[in-house]
Amino acid sequence: MNTPPDPLDPLLDRWSQVPEPPDRLAASVWQKIATDKDAGSEGWRHVLENWFGRPAFALGFVAACAVIGLFVAEMRVSHLQRERSAQLARSYLLLIDPLLNTPPDDHRP
């Protein structure tokens, strides 16, 4: 039982033969690396652009800003409500006992 030759065998044999690289390849590779290194050293602005260029990071940043903003707003409203409650309590105490507002010398038995 002879199997027919596979038509891909000559192509694969030719593909496994690695040609010699050109003489100028090493110089062009090092030149490309040098230009890429200079282009990447633009500073913090370039780093921020890279980070915010990623959709997942940008979405996470927006969500974090929204959550922090809601937290700060809740803290402010809570503080205002506490002040208002304390003011209402003082007003109620003055309403039921007007002597609380008078100086201690004026109290007569």
C-alpha atoms as a PDB file:
ATOM      1  CA  MET A   1       0.000   0.000   0.000  1.00  0.00           C
ATOM      2  CA  ASN A   2       1.677   3.028  -1.282  1.00  0.00           C
ATOM      3  CA  THR A   3       0.308   6.357  -0.161  1.00  0.00           C
ATOM      4  CA  PRO A   4       0.289   9.118  -2.719  1.00  0.00           C
ATOM      5  CA  PRO A   5       2.762  11.927  -2.031  1.00  0.00           C
ATOM      6  CA  ASP A   6       1.356  14.875  -0.216  1.00  0.00           C
ATOM      7  CA  PRO A   7       1.463  18.059  -2.330  1.00  0.00           C
ATOM      8  CA  LEU A   8       2.323  20.124   0.733  1.00  0.00           C
ATOM      9  CA  ASP A   9       5.571  18.275   1.444  1.00  0.00           C
ATOM     10  CA  PRO A  10       7.709  20.177  -1.110  1.00  0.00           C
ATOM     11  CA  LEU A  11       6.257  23.484   0.074  1.00  0.00           C
ATOM     12  CA  LEU A  12       6.937  22.700   3.712  1.00  0.00           C
ATOM     13  CA  ASP A  13      10.475  21.569   2.867  1.00  0.00           C
ATOM     14  CA  ARG A  14      11.101  24.853   1.078  1.00  0.00           C
ATOM     15  CA  TRP A  15       9.618  26.792   4.028  1.00  0.00           C
ATOM     16  CA  SER A  16      11.960  25.157   6.536  1.00  0.00           C
ATOM     17  CA  GLN A  17      14.996  26.511   4.667  1.00  0.00           C
ATOM     18  CA  VAL A  18      15.785  29.814   6.354  1.00  0.00           C
ATOM     19  CA  PRO A  19      17.477  32.317   4.053  1.00  0.00           C
ATOM     20  CA  GLU A  20      20.452  34.283   5.266  1.00  0.00           C
ATOM     21  CA  PRO A  21      19.495  37.764   6.519  1.00  0.00           C
ATOM     22  CA  PRO A  22      20.751  40.718   4.520  1.00  0.00           C
ATOM     23  CA  ASP A  23      23.946  42.385   5.717  1.00  0.00           C
ATOM     24  CA  ARG A  24      22.223  45.684   6.515  1.00  0.00           C
ATOM     25  CA  LEU A  25      19.495  44.017   8.595  1.00  0.00           C
ATOM     26  CA  ALA A  26      21.337  44.297  11.921  1.00  0.00           C
ATOM     27  CA  ALA A  27      22.041  47.996  11.375  1.00  0.00           C
ATOM     28  CA  SER A  28      18.426  48.721  10.407  1.00  0.00           C
ATOM     29  CA  VAL A  29      17.130  46.790  13.429  1.00  0.00           C
ATOM     30  CA  TRP A  30      19.309  48.777  15.828  1.00  0.00           C
ATOM     31  CA  GLN A  31      18.311  52.003  14.109  1.00  0.00           C
ATOM     32  CA  LYS A  32      14.615  51.099  14.496  1.00  0.00           C
ATOM     33  CA  ILE A  33      15.131  50.285  18.190  1.00  0.00           C
ATOM     34  CA  ALA A  34      16.868  53.636  18.739  1.00  0.00           C
ATOM     35  CA  THR A  35      14.053  55.601  17.082  1.00  0.00           C
ATOM     36  CA  ASP A  36      11.389  53.679  19.010  1.00  0.00           C
ATOM     37  CA  LYS A  37      13.161  54.393  22.304  1.00  0.00           C
ATOM     38  CA  ASP A  38      13.253  58.134  21.559  1.00  0.00           C
ATOM     39  CA  ALA A  39       9.577  58.184  20.585  1.00  0.00           C
ATOM     40  CA  GLY A  40       8.525  56.415  23.787  1.00  0.00           C
ATOM     41  CA  SER A  41      10.275  58.783  26.185  1.00  0.00           C
ATOM     42  CA  GLU A  42       7.800  61.662  25.945  1.00  0.00           C
ATOM     43  CA  GLY A  43       7.125  61.733  29.679  1.00  0.00           C
ATOM     44  CA  TRP A  44       4.084  61.506  31.909  1.00  0.00           C
ATOM     45  CA  ARG A  45       1.703  62.843  29.248  1.00  0.00           C
ATOM     46  CA  HIS A  46       2.489  59.918  26.987  1.00  0.00           C
ATOM     47  CA  VAL A  47       1.966  57.487  29.870  1.00  0.00           C
ATOM     48  CA  LEU A  48      -1.443  59.041  30.674  1.00  0.00           C
ATOM     49  CA  GLU A  49      -2.494  58.864  27.042  1.00  0.00           C
ATOM     50  CA  ASN A  50      -1.563  55.192  26.954  1.00  0.00           C
ATOM     51  CA  TRP A  51      -3.544  54.444  30.129  1.00  0.00           C
ATOM     52  CA  PHE A  52      -6.621  56.415  29.122  1.00  0.00           C
ATOM     53  CA  GLY A  53      -6.436  54.915  25.630  1.00  0.00           C
ATOM     54  CA  ARG A  54      -7.544  51.623  27.155  1.00  0.00           C
ATOM     55  CA  PRO A  55     -11.360  51.505  27.332  1.00  0.00           C
ATOM     56  CA  ALA A  56     -11.428  49.432  30.517  1.00  0.00           C
ATOM     57  CA  PHE A  57      -9.227  51.888  32.412  1.00  0.00           C
ATOM     58  CA  ALA A  58     -11.128  54.926  31.114  1.00  0.00           C
ATOM     59  CA  LEU A  59     -14.457  53.378  32.118  1.00  0.00           C
ATOM     60  CA  GLY A  60     -13.102  52.444  35.547  1.00  0.00           C
ATOM     61  CA  PHE A  61     -11.766  55.979  36.063  1.00  0.00           C
ATOM     62  CA  VAL A  62     -15.122  57.542  35.171  1.00  0.00           C
ATOM     63  CA  ALA A  63     -16.947  55.116  37.465  1.00  0.00           C
ATOM     64  CA  ALA A  64     -14.527  55.824  40.325  1.00  0.00           C
ATOM     65  CA  CYS A  65     -14.973  59.588  39.873  1.00  0.00           C
ATOM     66  CA  ALA A  66     -18.752  59.184  39.948  1.00  0.00           C
ATOM     67  CA  VAL A  67     -18.642  57.060  43.112  1.00  0.00           C
ATOM     68  CA  ILE A  68     -16.275  59.483  44.850  1.00  0.00           C
ATOM     69  CA  GLY A  69     -18.486  62.416  43.846  1.00  0.00           C
ATOM     70  CA  LEU A  70     -21.574  60.691  45.222  1.00  0.00           C
ATOM     71  CA  PHE A  71     -19.749  59.874  48.451  1.00  0.00           C
ATOM     72  CA  VAL A  72     -18.624  63.488  48.935  1.00  0.00           C
ATOM     73  CA  ALA A  73     -22.134  64.768  48.204  1.00  0.00           C
ATOM     74  CA  GLU A  74     -23.617  62.302  50.709  1.00  0.00           C
ATOM     75  CA  MET A  75     -21.129  63.395  53.364  1.00  0.00           C
ATOM     76  CA  ARG A  76     -22.023  67.059  52.788  1.00  0.00           C
ATOM     77  CA  VAL A  77     -25.782  66.418  52.944  1.00  0.00           C
ATOM     78  CA  SER A  78     -25.327  64.306  56.070  1.00  0.00           C
ATOM     79  CA  HIS A  79     -23.358  67.109  57.741  1.00  0.00           C
ATOM     80  CA  LEU A  80     -26.035  69.671  56.850  1.00  0.00           C
ATOM     81  CA  GLN A  81     -28.776  67.401  58.210  1.00  0.00           C
ATOM     82  CA  ARG A  82     -26.887  66.963  61.486  1.00  0.00           C
ATOM     83  CA  GLU A  83     -26.525  70.737  61.858  1.00  0.00           C
ATOM     84  CA  ARG A  84     -30.210  71.261  61.105  1.00  0.00           C
ATOM     85  CA  SER A  85     -31.243  68.584  63.601  1.00  0.00           C
ATOM     86  CA  ALA A  86     -29.099  70.191  66.311  1.00  0.00           C
ATOM     87  CA  GLN A  87     -30.584  73.608  65.519  1.00  0.00           C
ATOM     88  CA  LEU A  88     -34.127  72.199  65.705  1.00  0.00           C
ATOM     89  CA  ALA A  89     -33.339  70.579  69.058  1.00  0.00           C
ATOM     90  CA  ARG A  90     -32.006  73.903  70.444  1.00  0.00           C
ATOM     91  CA  SER A  91     -35.072  75.746  69.137  1.00  0.00           C
ATOM     92  CA  TYR A  92     -37.377  73.180  70.732  1.00  0.00           C
ATOM     93  CA  LEU A  93     -35.593  73.449  74.077  1.00  0.00           C
ATOM     94  CA  LEU A  94     -35.874  77.249  73.997  1.00  0.00           C
ATOM     95  CA  LEU A  95     -39.532  76.951  73.110  1.00  0.00           C
ATOM     96  CA  ILE A  96     -40.405  74.728  76.060  1.00  0.00           C
ATOM     97  CA  ASP A  97     -38.042  76.430  78.540  1.00  0.00           C
ATOM     98  CA  PRO A  98     -37.441  80.111  77.743  1.00  0.00           C
ATOM     99  CA  LEU A  99     -35.159  80.463  80.776  1.00  0.00           C
ATOM    100  CA  LEU A 100     -32.442  78.481  78.992  1.00  0.00           C
ATOM    101  CA  ASN A 101     -31.654  81.563  76.911  1.00  0.00           C
ATOM    102  CA  THR A 102     -31.362  83.987  79.808  1.00  0.00           C
ATOM    103  CA  PRO A 103     -28.077  84.552  81.658  1.00  0.00           C
ATOM    104  CA  PRO A 104     -27.661  82.693  84.972  1.00  0.00           C
ATOM    105  CA  ASP A 105     -27.847  85.955  87.062  1.00  0.00           C
ATOM    106  CA  ASP A 106     -31.447  86.611  85.979  1.00  0.00           C
ATOM    107  CA  HIS A 107     -32.833  83.364  87.389  1.00  0.00           C
ATOM    108  CA  ARG A 108     -35.063  84.209  90.362  1.00  0.00           C
ATOM    109  CA  PRO A 109     -36.511  81.575  92.598  1.00  0.00           C
END
